């Protein structure tokens, strides 16, 4: 009875939905939600996303980008350190080897972070895990800042390991935190904001790394330690926001805290349909402990979910997007751009990916995950072929370097529109609460392992294949697009139970047909027996 609300001039009611439907002569009452006008804006959710991402996935993009500018200065520092300590003048290849270790060790740290992220989220929760993650960040920043005064390049290596651990944890925990905190109709867009902040971190790192800011010889150690600033911002702001509602209810069993968190994140009273969905997931996982990664490999009910996240996470690194940045400076030189101007043009590549991720964020809830992923990989395949042709004829056709420049930007745009954002959304949507941390551990491990592999073999690909070095990347993109088109169901706007039922058809395809045939045979046998008895 809502009549008591009529005539109440002080009531802040914005919407009352009260609907009856008649089906088979039965009246079914549908839930209604009352949203106070003065709290109807999900501002808390938006601010929570910004707070978590500034100290989270932004760090991954930022710490990748800031290593480009001080390359020569750090190599000189390494050489001078050897000369001062042991009176040894390193050869060029030896300096390059040490520099390669400094850069690649970041990936191994990320792998370690991805492995420990799962147990940390289970023990401490999503929000507290992100806060504790700053211990690795601050320690690494301190080592980088003091490495020059201590005359120790080893401190830079240890710093990169710690920063890698920080990035590995945040790349796993943050999408999980966002996916569990967002409403179903915004789940993809909110989770995709992790990729938006990663690309923004790349742009920010490129800008801060300019010679006019911190990319000079006298400031490179400040550049390596500047990642502490976003960490401080997160430490000051994130404690004011709630924990993941699903973690509070399903893992801790605290229904009141879950409702309070939902009310704070939604800016209105909790929709009973949303709470019912979380309660249903709690009931489905009741009595089940958090799964371990190796248990997922042995569980047939999540076989295709696991194959999906492993393939898509691997393809995100094996598609060659990071490698195309390597070719950017070379192509820009061939196009006639001076060395002084290349650092400014390079910022355009990061801005391109940032713009594409924002566009993907706007489109993902309209077009769906499957469309964005498949479309991104298909476009990358096309541009890899065009780029290979342009590199092959750049010495014969005067305008080919300009086509190569266009390919760089379109390749990065295609990556940002699909794989860059959608990949992080999938584990949240296709695994339940008990399997989700382990799934993110596996997905994160695949991503970091393949990033390390690409970093190590790409120079050999360039030397052996030269202008054809992007052919393998094009093949990876094509195969990934085929897999998505053939096996990945659409997850947009669907509940976990609906998504699970679609994967069930893949996981138990042969068994279901066998059961149907057995049931049909038993039915026919029963008919025969009945007719005989009659």
Protein backbone atom coordinates (compact mmCIF):
# COMPACT_ATOMS: atom_id res chain seq x y z
CA UNK A 1 0.00 0.00 0.00
CA UNK A 2 1.67 3.18 -1.25
CA UNK A 3 -1.19 5.54 -0.52
CA UNK A 4 0.60 6.97 2.53
CA UNK A 5 3.18 8.50 0.18
CA UNK A 6 0.59 10.48 -1.75
CA UNK A 7 0.44 14.13 -0.79
CA UNK A 8 3.67 13.96 1.18
CA UNK A 9 5.33 17.14 -0.10
CA UNK A 10 8.54 16.47 1.79
CA UNK A 11 9.06 13.07 0.23
CA UNK A 12 12.23 12.70 -1.85
CA UNK A 13 10.87 9.84 -3.89
CA UNK A 14 12.16 10.00 -7.46
CA UNK A 15 10.88 6.76 -8.96
CA UNK A 16 8.40 4.16 -7.86
CA UNK A 17 8.05 1.21 -10.13
CA UNK A 18 5.22 -1.09 -9.21
CA UNK A 19 4.15 -3.43 -11.92
CA UNK A 20 1.80 -6.34 -12.25
CA UNK A 21 1.84 -8.90 -15.02
CA UNK A 22 -0.83 -11.51 -15.70
CA UNK A 23 0.29 -14.91 -16.91
CA UNK A 24 -1.85 -18.05 -16.89
CA UNK A 25 -4.48 -16.22 -14.84
CA UNK A 26 -1.93 -15.59 -12.06
CA UNK A 27 -0.80 -12.18 -10.85
CA UNK A 28 2.96 -11.89 -10.33
CA UNK A 29 4.30 -8.99 -8.28
CA UNK A 30 7.59 -7.53 -9.52
CA UNK A 31 9.99 -5.83 -7.11
CA UNK A 32 9.93 -2.07 -6.85
CA UNK A 33 12.81 0.17 -5.88
CA UNK A 34 12.58 3.44 -4.04
CA UNK A 35 15.46 5.82 -4.78
CA UNK A 36 15.76 9.00 -2.75
CA UNK A 37 16.37 12.00 -4.98
CA UNK A 38 19.11 13.42 -2.83
CA UNK A 39 21.19 10.27 -3.13
CA UNK A 40 20.38 9.14 -6.66
CA UNK A 41 23.81 9.85 -8.17
CA UNK A 42 26.41 7.01 -8.15
CA UNK A 43 29.17 9.56 -7.44
CA UNK A 44 30.73 7.29 -4.83
CA UNK A 45 31.19 4.53 -7.41
CA UNK A 46 32.91 6.92 -9.84
CA UNK A 47 35.23 8.29 -7.15
CA UNK A 48 36.01 4.77 -5.92
CA UNK A 49 37.01 3.76 -9.46
CA UNK A 50 39.31 6.78 -9.76
CA UNK A 51 40.91 6.21 -6.34
CA UNK A 52 41.58 2.51 -6.91
CA UNK A 53 42.83 2.95 -10.49
CA UNK A 54 45.18 5.89 -9.79
CA UNK A 55 47.22 3.68 -7.50
CA UNK A 56 46.38 0.52 -9.44
CA UNK A 57 46.48 -0.18 -13.16
CA UNK A 58 47.66 3.36 -13.90
CA UNK A 59 50.95 2.25 -12.34
CA UNK A 60 51.36 -0.53 -14.92
CA UNK A 61 51.15 1.82 -17.89
CA UNK A 62 53.15 4.54 -16.15
CA UNK A 63 56.03 2.23 -15.19
CA UNK A 64 56.23 0.84 -18.71
CA UNK A 65 56.41 4.31 -20.27
CA UNK A 66 58.91 5.99 -17.96
CA UNK A 67 61.69 3.56 -18.90
CA UNK A 68 61.96 4.84 -22.48
CA UNK A 69 63.37 8.33 -21.84
CA UNK A 70 66.29 7.53 -19.45
CA UNK A 71 67.63 4.57 -21.46
CA UNK A 72 70.93 6.24 -22.44
CA UNK A 73 71.42 7.82 -19.01
CA UNK A 74 70.91 4.56 -17.09
CA UNK A 75 73.21 2.67 -19.49
CA UNK A 76 75.89 5.32 -18.90
CA UNK A 77 75.31 5.02 -15.14
CA UNK A 78 75.78 1.23 -15.31
CA UNK A 79 79.01 1.62 -17.28
CA UNK A 80 80.38 4.26 -14.90
CA UNK A 81 79.51 2.09 -11.88
CA UNK A 82 81.47 -0.86 -13.27
CA UNK A 83 84.38 1.42 -14.09
CA UNK A 84 84.46 2.96 -10.62
CA UNK A 85 84.07 -0.30 -8.70
CA UNK A 86 86.17 -2.75 -10.65
CA UNK A 87 87.94 -0.56 -13.21
CA UNK A 88 86.17 -2.44 -16.00
CA UNK A 89 84.96 -0.77 -19.20
CA UNK A 90 81.92 -2.72 -20.38
CA UNK A 91 81.39 -3.57 -24.03
CA UNK A 92 78.23 -2.30 -25.71
CA UNK A 93 76.57 -5.71 -25.70
CA UNK A 94 77.32 -6.08 -21.96
CA UNK A 95 75.70 -2.73 -21.20
CA UNK A 96 72.74 -3.75 -23.33
CA UNK A 97 72.49 -7.04 -21.42
CA UNK A 98 72.33 -5.26 -18.04
CA UNK A 99 69.76 -2.84 -19.44
CA UNK A 100 67.69 -5.75 -20.77
CA UNK A 101 67.72 -7.31 -17.30
CA UNK A 102 66.57 -4.02 -15.74
CA UNK A 103 63.66 -3.78 -18.19
CA UNK A 104 62.66 -7.47 -18.32
CA UNK A 105 62.85 -8.09 -14.58
CA UNK A 106 59.69 -5.96 -14.31
CA UNK A 107 57.77 -8.81 -16.01
CA UNK A 108 59.08 -11.42 -13.57
CA UNK A 109 58.03 -9.18 -10.68
CA UNK A 110 54.61 -8.88 -12.31
CA UNK A 111 54.38 -12.68 -12.52
CA UNK A 112 55.18 -12.95 -8.80
CA UNK A 113 52.54 -10.31 -8.06
CA UNK A 114 49.92 -12.16 -10.11
CA UNK A 115 50.63 -15.39 -8.20
CA UNK A 116 50.31 -13.85 -4.72
CA UNK A 117 47.32 -11.64 -5.67
CA UNK A 118 44.80 -14.47 -5.27
CA UNK A 119 45.72 -15.48 -1.69
CA UNK A 120 45.98 -11.79 -0.70
CA UNK A 121 42.46 -10.98 -1.94
CA UNK A 122 41.03 -13.97 -0.09
CA UNK A 123 42.77 -13.12 3.18
CA UNK A 124 42.55 -9.31 3.19
CA UNK A 125 39.74 -8.48 0.77
CA UNK A 126 39.91 -6.47 -2.45
CA UNK A 127 40.24 -2.97 -1.04
CA UNK A 128 42.73 -3.76 1.71
CA UNK A 129 44.81 -5.77 -0.78
CA UNK A 130 45.14 -2.68 -2.99
CA UNK A 131 46.18 -0.60 0.01
CA UNK A 132 48.77 -3.14 1.20
CA UNK A 133 50.08 -3.35 -2.35
CA UNK A 134 51.55 0.13 -1.91
CA UNK A 135 54.21 -1.35 0.39
CA UNK A 136 55.92 -2.80 -2.69
CA UNK A 137 55.47 0.47 -4.58
CA UNK A 138 56.92 2.73 -1.89
CA UNK A 139 59.86 0.38 -1.27
CA UNK A 140 60.67 0.28 -4.97
CA UNK A 141 60.37 4.06 -5.34
CA UNK A 142 62.72 4.60 -2.39
CA UNK A 143 65.33 2.26 -3.88
CA UNK A 144 65.12 3.99 -7.26
CA UNK A 145 65.44 7.42 -5.68
CA UNK A 146 68.56 6.54 -3.69
CA UNK A 147 70.25 4.33 -6.30
CA UNK A 148 72.20 7.17 -7.85
CA UNK A 149 73.55 8.44 -4.52
CA UNK A 150 74.45 4.86 -3.54
CA UNK A 151 76.09 4.32 -6.93
CA UNK A 152 74.24 1.02 -7.28
CA UNK A 153 72.47 -0.19 -10.42
CA UNK A 154 71.50 -3.31 -8.43
CA UNK A 155 69.09 -1.13 -6.45
CA UNK A 156 67.38 -0.21 -9.73
CA UNK A 157 66.98 -3.92 -10.55
CA UNK A 158 65.46 -4.65 -7.12
CA UNK A 159 63.27 -1.57 -7.50
CA UNK A 160 61.92 -2.84 -10.82
CA UNK A 161 61.13 -6.23 -9.25
CA UNK A 162 59.12 -4.56 -6.47
CA UNK A 163 57.34 -2.26 -8.90
CA UNK A 164 56.55 -5.30 -11.04
CA UNK A 165 55.02 -7.09 -8.03
CA UNK A 166 52.91 -3.99 -7.38
CA UNK A 167 51.70 -3.94 -10.98
CA UNK A 168 51.01 -7.69 -11.02
CA UNK A 169 48.80 -7.45 -7.94
CA UNK A 170 46.91 -4.37 -9.11
CA UNK A 171 46.30 -5.80 -12.60
CA UNK A 172 44.53 -8.79 -10.98
CA UNK A 173 42.81 -7.26 -7.96
CA UNK A 174 41.51 -4.01 -9.41
CA UNK A 175 39.32 -5.51 -12.21
CA UNK A 176 38.00 -8.00 -9.65
CA UNK A 177 37.16 -5.18 -7.23
CA UNK A 178 35.43 -3.18 -9.96
CA UNK A 179 33.51 -6.13 -11.40
CA UNK A 180 32.18 -7.13 -7.98
CA UNK A 181 31.22 -3.56 -7.02
CA UNK A 182 29.52 -2.42 -10.24
CA UNK A 183 25.83 -2.95 -11.08
CA UNK A 184 25.17 -5.54 -13.77
CA UNK A 185 24.27 -3.02 -16.50
CA UNK A 186 27.55 -1.11 -15.91
CA UNK A 187 29.79 -4.05 -15.07
CA UNK A 188 31.62 -4.05 -18.40
CA UNK A 189 32.14 -0.28 -18.53
CA UNK A 190 33.36 -0.06 -14.92
CA UNK A 191 35.71 -3.02 -15.31
CA UNK A 192 36.99 -1.58 -18.58
CA UNK A 193 38.04 1.60 -16.76
CA UNK A 194 41.08 -0.40 -15.61
CA UNK A 195 42.31 -0.39 -19.22
CA UNK A 196 41.47 3.32 -19.55
CA UNK A 197 43.68 4.15 -16.59
CA UNK A 198 46.44 1.85 -17.88
CA UNK A 199 46.55 3.74 -21.18
CA UNK A 200 46.32 7.03 -19.31
CA UNK A 201 49.34 5.89 -17.28
CA UNK A 202 51.25 5.34 -20.54
CA UNK A 203 50.45 8.89 -21.70
CA UNK A 204 51.31 10.34 -18.30
CA UNK A 205 54.62 8.47 -18.23
CA UNK A 206 55.49 9.71 -21.72
CA UNK A 207 54.72 13.32 -20.73
CA UNK A 208 56.62 13.19 -17.42
CA UNK A 209 59.52 11.52 -19.26
CA UNK A 210 60.03 14.49 -21.59
CA UNK A 211 63.50 16.03 -21.37
CA UNK A 212 61.94 19.31 -20.25
CA UNK A 213 60.35 17.63 -17.19
CA UNK A 214 62.09 14.59 -15.63
CA UNK A 215 63.63 12.88 -18.66
CA UNK A 216 66.95 14.67 -18.42
CA UNK A 217 70.33 13.32 -17.29
CA UNK A 218 70.15 15.06 -13.92
CA UNK A 219 66.59 13.90 -13.06
CA UNK A 220 66.26 10.30 -14.25
CA UNK A 221 66.29 8.88 -10.70
CA UNK A 222 63.45 11.24 -9.76
CA UNK A 223 61.57 9.97 -12.82
CA UNK A 224 61.92 6.34 -11.68
CA UNK A 225 60.68 7.30 -8.18
CA UNK A 226 57.80 9.50 -9.37
CA UNK A 227 55.43 6.51 -9.30
CA UNK A 228 55.16 7.03 -5.53
CA UNK A 229 52.89 10.07 -6.04
CA UNK A 230 49.86 8.12 -7.39
CA UNK A 231 50.43 5.63 -4.56
CA UNK A 232 50.19 8.39 -1.96
CA UNK A 233 46.95 9.61 -3.55
CA UNK A 234 45.46 6.12 -3.27
CA UNK A 235 46.53 5.73 0.36
CA UNK A 236 44.81 9.01 1.24
CA UNK A 237 41.54 8.37 -0.63
CA UNK A 238 40.75 4.65 -0.97
CA UNK A 239 40.14 3.99 2.79
CA UNK A 240 37.03 6.19 2.57
CA UNK A 241 35.31 3.82 0.10
CA UNK A 242 33.57 0.49 0.82
CA UNK A 243 34.84 -3.03 0.28
CA UNK A 244 33.46 -5.19 -2.55
CA UNK A 245 29.81 -6.05 -1.65
CA UNK A 246 30.17 -9.58 -3.00
CA UNK A 247 33.27 -10.18 -0.91
CA UNK A 248 31.49 -8.90 2.19
CA UNK A 249 28.48 -11.18 1.75
CA UNK A 250 29.88 -14.30 0.08
CA UNK A 251 33.34 -14.52 1.66
CA UNK A 252 32.68 -12.91 5.05
CA UNK A 253 28.95 -13.58 5.40
CA UNK A 254 28.25 -10.01 6.53
CA UNK A 255 24.89 -9.13 4.97
CA UNK A 256 24.53 -5.80 6.75
CA UNK A 257 27.95 -4.62 5.58
CA UNK A 258 27.08 -5.75 2.04
CA UNK A 259 23.83 -3.77 2.03
CA UNK A 260 25.60 -0.72 3.45
CA UNK A 261 28.30 -0.95 0.76
CA UNK A 262 25.71 -1.35 -2.00
CA UNK A 263 23.72 1.62 -0.70
CA UNK A 264 26.87 3.73 -0.60
CA UNK A 265 28.01 2.71 -4.10
CA UNK A 266 24.59 3.00 -5.78
CA UNK A 267 23.54 6.26 -4.11
CA UNK A 268 20.07 4.86 -3.41
CA UNK A 269 18.29 2.04 -1.62
CA UNK A 270 19.41 -1.42 -2.63
CA UNK A 271 17.47 -3.10 -5.42
CA UNK A 272 16.13 -6.41 -4.19
CA UNK A 273 16.91 -8.02 -7.55
CA UNK A 274 20.62 -7.17 -7.20
CA UNK A 275 20.77 -8.39 -3.62
CA UNK A 276 18.91 -11.57 -4.59
CA UNK A 277 21.52 -12.29 -7.27
CA UNK A 278 24.36 -11.98 -4.75
CA UNK A 279 22.43 -14.14 -2.25
CA UNK A 280 21.90 -16.73 -4.98
CA UNK A 281 25.64 -16.84 -5.67
CA UNK A 282 26.24 -17.14 -1.93
CA UNK A 283 23.84 -20.08 -1.78
CA UNK A 284 25.50 -21.74 -4.78
CA UNK A 285 28.95 -21.49 -3.17
CA UNK A 286 27.88 -22.19 0.43
CA UNK A 287 30.28 -24.53 2.19
CA UNK A 288 32.83 -24.22 -0.64
CA UNK A 289 36.28 -22.90 0.12
CA UNK A 290 38.20 -20.67 -2.31
CA UNK A 291 39.52 -22.70 -5.23
CA UNK A 292 43.21 -23.14 -5.96
CA UNK A 293 44.58 -22.67 -9.48
CA UNK A 294 45.48 -26.34 -9.99
CA UNK A 295 41.96 -27.34 -8.92
CA UNK A 296 40.50 -25.35 -11.81
CA UNK A 297 42.58 -27.35 -14.28
CA UNK A 298 41.04 -30.57 -12.93
CA UNK A 299 37.45 -29.27 -12.90
CA UNK A 300 35.59 -30.05 -16.12
CA UNK A 301 32.76 -27.63 -15.28
CA UNK A 302 35.10 -24.64 -15.82
CA UNK A 303 37.27 -26.14 -18.57
CA UNK A 304 36.23 -23.77 -21.38
CA UNK A 305 36.11 -20.75 -19.08
CA UNK A 306 39.73 -21.47 -18.14
CA UNK A 307 40.79 -22.06 -21.75
CA UNK A 308 39.14 -18.77 -22.69
CA UNK A 309 40.94 -16.58 -20.13
CA UNK A 310 44.27 -18.29 -20.84
CA UNK A 311 44.00 -17.76 -24.61
CA UNK A 312 42.72 -14.18 -24.42
CA UNK A 313 45.24 -13.15 -21.73
CA UNK A 314 48.10 -14.64 -23.75
CA UNK A 315 46.89 -13.05 -26.97
CA UNK A 316 46.83 -9.64 -25.29
CA UNK A 317 50.64 -9.78 -25.07
CA UNK A 318 51.39 -11.95 -28.11
CA UNK A 319 49.42 -9.67 -30.46
CA UNK A 320 52.44 -7.34 -30.75
CA UNK A 321 50.94 -4.09 -29.46
CA UNK A 322 53.86 -3.44 -27.10
CA UNK A 323 56.30 -4.35 -29.86
CA UNK A 324 54.87 -1.77 -32.23
CA UNK A 325 56.11 0.94 -29.89
CA UNK A 326 59.61 -0.35 -30.65
CA UNK A 327 59.09 0.34 -34.34
CA UNK A 328 57.51 3.74 -33.74
CA UNK A 329 60.78 5.70 -33.47
CA UNK A 330 62.26 3.95 -36.52
CA UNK A 331 59.19 4.63 -38.65
CA UNK A 332 59.00 8.25 -37.53
CA UNK A 333 62.65 8.75 -38.54
CA UNK A 334 61.99 7.23 -41.95
CA UNK A 335 59.09 9.66 -42.38
CA UNK A 336 61.52 12.56 -41.94
CA UNK A 337 60.72 13.55 -38.36
CA UNK A 338 63.75 14.86 -36.45
CA UNK A 339 65.05 13.16 -33.31
CA UNK A 340 64.06 16.15 -31.16
CA UNK A 341 60.46 15.93 -32.32
CA UNK A 342 60.06 12.15 -32.06
CA UNK A 343 59.54 12.24 -28.29
CA UNK A 344 56.51 14.48 -28.82
CA UNK A 345 55.11 12.35 -31.65
CA UNK A 346 55.51 9.23 -29.46
CA UNK A 347 53.10 10.77 -26.95
CA UNK A 348 50.54 10.57 -29.75
CA UNK A 349 50.78 6.77 -29.74
CA UNK A 350 49.90 6.63 -26.03
CA UNK A 351 47.13 9.19 -26.52
CA UNK A 352 45.79 7.04 -29.35
CA UNK A 353 45.43 3.99 -27.09
CA UNK A 354 43.92 6.14 -24.33
CA UNK A 355 41.30 7.50 -26.73
CA UNK A 356 40.50 4.01 -28.03
CA UNK A 357 39.98 2.66 -24.50
CA UNK A 358 37.55 5.49 -23.72
CA UNK A 359 35.64 4.69 -26.93
CA UNK A 360 35.55 1.01 -25.98
CA UNK A 361 34.26 1.99 -22.54
CA UNK A 362 31.36 3.81 -24.18
CA UNK A 363 30.58 1.01 -26.63
CA UNK A 364 31.06 -2.17 -24.60
CA UNK A 365 27.61 -2.15 -22.99
CA UNK A 366 26.00 -1.51 -26.38
CA UNK A 367 27.94 -3.83 -28.64
CA UNK A 368 28.97 -6.48 -26.13
CA UNK A 369 32.25 -8.13 -25.15
CA UNK A 370 32.35 -10.68 -27.97
CA UNK A 371 31.88 -8.09 -30.71
CA UNK A 372 34.55 -5.75 -29.30
CA UNK A 373 37.11 -8.53 -28.83
CA UNK A 374 36.60 -10.15 -32.22
CA UNK A 375 36.46 -6.80 -34.01
CA UNK A 376 39.66 -5.61 -32.35
CA UNK A 377 41.60 -8.75 -33.28
CA UNK A 378 40.32 -8.72 -36.89
CA UNK A 379 41.33 -5.09 -37.38
CA UNK A 380 44.76 -5.78 -35.87
CA UNK A 381 45.20 -8.65 -38.33
CA UNK A 382 44.41 -6.33 -41.24
CA UNK A 383 46.80 -3.61 -40.05
CA UNK A 384 49.58 -6.14 -39.39
CA UNK A 385 49.36 -7.21 -43.04
CA UNK A 386 49.31 -3.60 -44.28
CA UNK A 387 52.22 -2.70 -41.97
CA UNK A 388 54.28 -5.60 -43.32
CA UNK A 389 53.63 -4.46 -46.89
CA UNK A 390 54.55 -0.88 -46.00
CA UNK A 391 57.83 -1.96 -44.36
CA UNK A 392 58.69 -4.11 -47.38
CA UNK A 393 58.29 -1.28 -49.90
CA UNK A 394 59.40 1.72 -47.81
CA UNK A 395 62.67 2.04 -49.81
CA UNK A 396 60.92 1.82 -53.16
CA UNK A 397 57.85 4.02 -52.69
CA UNK A 398 58.29 7.51 -51.25
CA UNK A 399 55.00 7.64 -49.35
CA UNK A 400 55.28 4.19 -47.73
CA UNK A 401 56.82 5.54 -44.46
CA UNK A 402 53.69 7.64 -44.02
CA UNK A 403 51.54 4.54 -44.49
CA UNK A 404 53.68 2.83 -41.84
CA UNK A 405 52.96 5.74 -39.49
CA UNK A 406 49.24 5.38 -40.13
CA UNK A 407 49.47 1.63 -39.42
CA UNK A 408 51.09 2.27 -36.06
CA UNK A 409 48.21 4.49 -34.95
CA UNK A 410 45.46 2.26 -36.36
CA UNK A 411 47.03 -0.86 -34.84
CA UNK A 412 47.11 0.77 -31.41
CA UNK A 413 43.55 2.06 -31.88
CA UNK A 414 42.32 -1.44 -32.71
CA UNK A 415 44.09 -2.88 -29.67
CA UNK A 416 42.55 -0.27 -27.38
CA UNK A 417 39.08 -0.83 -28.80
CA UNK A 418 39.10 -4.54 -28.00
CA UNK A 419 41.75 -6.69 -26.29
CA UNK A 420 43.13 -3.92 -24.04
CA UNK A 421 39.87 -3.49 -22.17
CA UNK A 422 37.69 -6.55 -22.56
CA UNK A 423 40.37 -9.05 -21.46
CA UNK A 424 40.29 -7.85 -17.84
CA UNK A 425 36.48 -8.06 -17.68
CA UNK A 426 36.09 -11.74 -18.58
CA UNK A 427 37.30 -13.55 -15.40
CA UNK A 428 34.89 -11.50 -13.26
CA UNK A 429 31.93 -12.43 -15.44
CA UNK A 430 32.53 -16.13 -16.18
CA UNK A 431 33.80 -17.43 -12.80
CA UNK A 432 32.00 -17.55 -9.46
CA UNK A 433 33.27 -16.05 -6.21
CA UNK A 434 35.23 -19.11 -5.08
CA UNK A 435 37.02 -19.58 -8.42
CA UNK A 436 37.52 -15.92 -9.35
CA UNK A 437 40.81 -15.24 -7.45
CA UNK A 438 42.40 -18.41 -8.84
CA UNK A 439 41.18 -17.53 -12.35
CA UNK A 440 42.77 -14.09 -12.10
CA UNK A 441 46.01 -15.69 -10.88
CA UNK A 442 46.10 -17.92 -13.97
CA UNK A 443 45.12 -15.11 -16.37
CA UNK A 444 47.64 -12.72 -14.83
CA UNK A 445 50.40 -15.33 -14.91
CA UNK A 446 49.79 -15.98 -18.60
CA UNK A 447 49.89 -12.26 -19.34
CA UNK A 448 53.18 -11.64 -17.51
CA UNK A 449 54.88 -14.79 -18.82
CA UNK A 450 54.04 -13.87 -22.40
CA UNK A 451 55.12 -10.26 -21.83
CA UNK A 452 58.50 -11.56 -20.66
CA UNK A 453 58.76 -13.97 -23.60
CA UNK A 454 57.93 -11.25 -26.14
CA UNK A 455 60.47 -8.90 -24.53
CA UNK A 456 63.18 -11.53 -24.87
CA UNK A 457 62.46 -12.88 -28.39
CA UNK A 458 61.36 -9.71 -30.19
CA UNK A 459 64.94 -8.53 -30.95
CA UNK A 460 65.59 -11.94 -32.54
CA UNK A 461 62.35 -11.72 -34.54
CA UNK A 462 63.47 -8.35 -35.88
CA UNK A 463 66.95 -9.60 -36.82
CA UNK A 464 65.72 -12.84 -38.43
CA UNK A 465 62.48 -11.72 -40.08
CA UNK A 466 63.23 -7.99 -40.51
CA UNK A 467 60.23 -6.40 -42.26
CA UNK A 468 58.19 -9.62 -41.85
CA UNK A 469 58.48 -9.62 -38.06
CA UNK A 470 54.79 -8.70 -37.65
CA UNK A 471 53.56 -11.75 -39.57
CA UNK A 472 53.54 -13.92 -36.37
CA UNK A 473 51.62 -11.20 -34.54
CA UNK A 474 49.06 -11.04 -37.33
CA UNK A 475 48.65 -14.83 -37.14
CA UNK A 476 48.05 -14.62 -33.36
CA UNK A 477 45.39 -11.93 -33.89
CA UNK A 478 43.64 -13.96 -36.60
CA UNK A 479 43.57 -17.16 -34.51
CA UNK A 480 42.32 -15.21 -31.48
CA UNK A 481 39.49 -13.68 -33.52
CA UNK A 482 38.49 -17.15 -34.74
CA UNK A 483 38.47 -18.53 -31.20
CA UNK A 484 36.32 -15.67 -29.89
CA UNK A 485 33.88 -16.04 -32.78
CA UNK A 486 33.55 -19.81 -32.39
CA UNK A 487 33.66 -20.43 -28.65
CA UNK A 488 33.12 -17.31 -26.53
CA UNK A 489 29.45 -16.65 -25.64
CA UNK A 490 28.25 -13.08 -25.14
CA UNK A 491 28.23 -12.07 -21.44
CA UNK A 492 26.77 -8.55 -21.69
CA UNK A 493 24.03 -7.93 -19.12
CA UNK A 494 23.78 -11.63 -18.14
CA UNK A 495 23.82 -13.10 -14.66
CA UNK A 496 26.52 -15.58 -13.65
CA UNK A 497 24.05 -18.49 -13.76
CA UNK A 498 23.04 -17.63 -17.35
CA UNK A 499 26.68 -17.39 -18.46
CA UNK A 500 27.54 -20.65 -16.67
CA UNK A 501 24.69 -22.47 -18.41
CA UNK A 502 26.07 -21.41 -21.81
CA UNK A 503 29.55 -22.66 -20.94
CA UNK A 504 27.96 -25.85 -19.60
CA UNK A 505 26.95 -26.71 -23.17
CA UNK A 506 30.63 -26.58 -24.17
CA UNK A 507 32.02 -28.28 -21.06
CA UNK A 508 29.59 -31.24 -21.22
CA UNK A 509 28.71 -31.25 -24.90
CA UNK A 510 29.20 -34.95 -25.57
CA UNK A 511 27.84 -36.02 -22.20
CA UNK A 512 24.59 -34.09 -22.60
CA UNK A 513 23.94 -35.75 -25.97
CA UNK A 514 24.68 -39.15 -24.43
CA UNK A 515 22.23 -38.50 -21.60
CA UNK A 516 19.56 -37.37 -24.06
CA UNK A 517 19.96 -40.53 -26.11
CA UNK A 518 19.85 -42.70 -22.94
CA UNK A 519 16.72 -40.92 -21.74
CA UNK A 520 15.07 -41.37 -25.15
CA UNK A 521 16.01 -45.06 -25.19
CA UNK A 522 14.59 -45.58 -21.69
CA UNK A 523 11.40 -43.80 -22.70
CA UNK A 524 10.99 -45.98 -25.78
CA UNK A 525 11.73 -49.11 -23.71
CA UNK A 526 9.08 -48.06 -21.23
CA UNK A 527 6.51 -47.67 -24.02
CA UNK A 528 7.35 -51.15 -25.35
CA UNK A 529 7.03 -52.72 -21.89
CA UNK A 530 3.71 -50.98 -21.30
CA UNK A 531 2.24 -52.10 -24.63
CA UNK A 532 3.39 -55.68 -23.95
CA UNK A 533 1.76 -55.63 -20.53
CA UNK A 534 -1.49 -54.38 -22.04
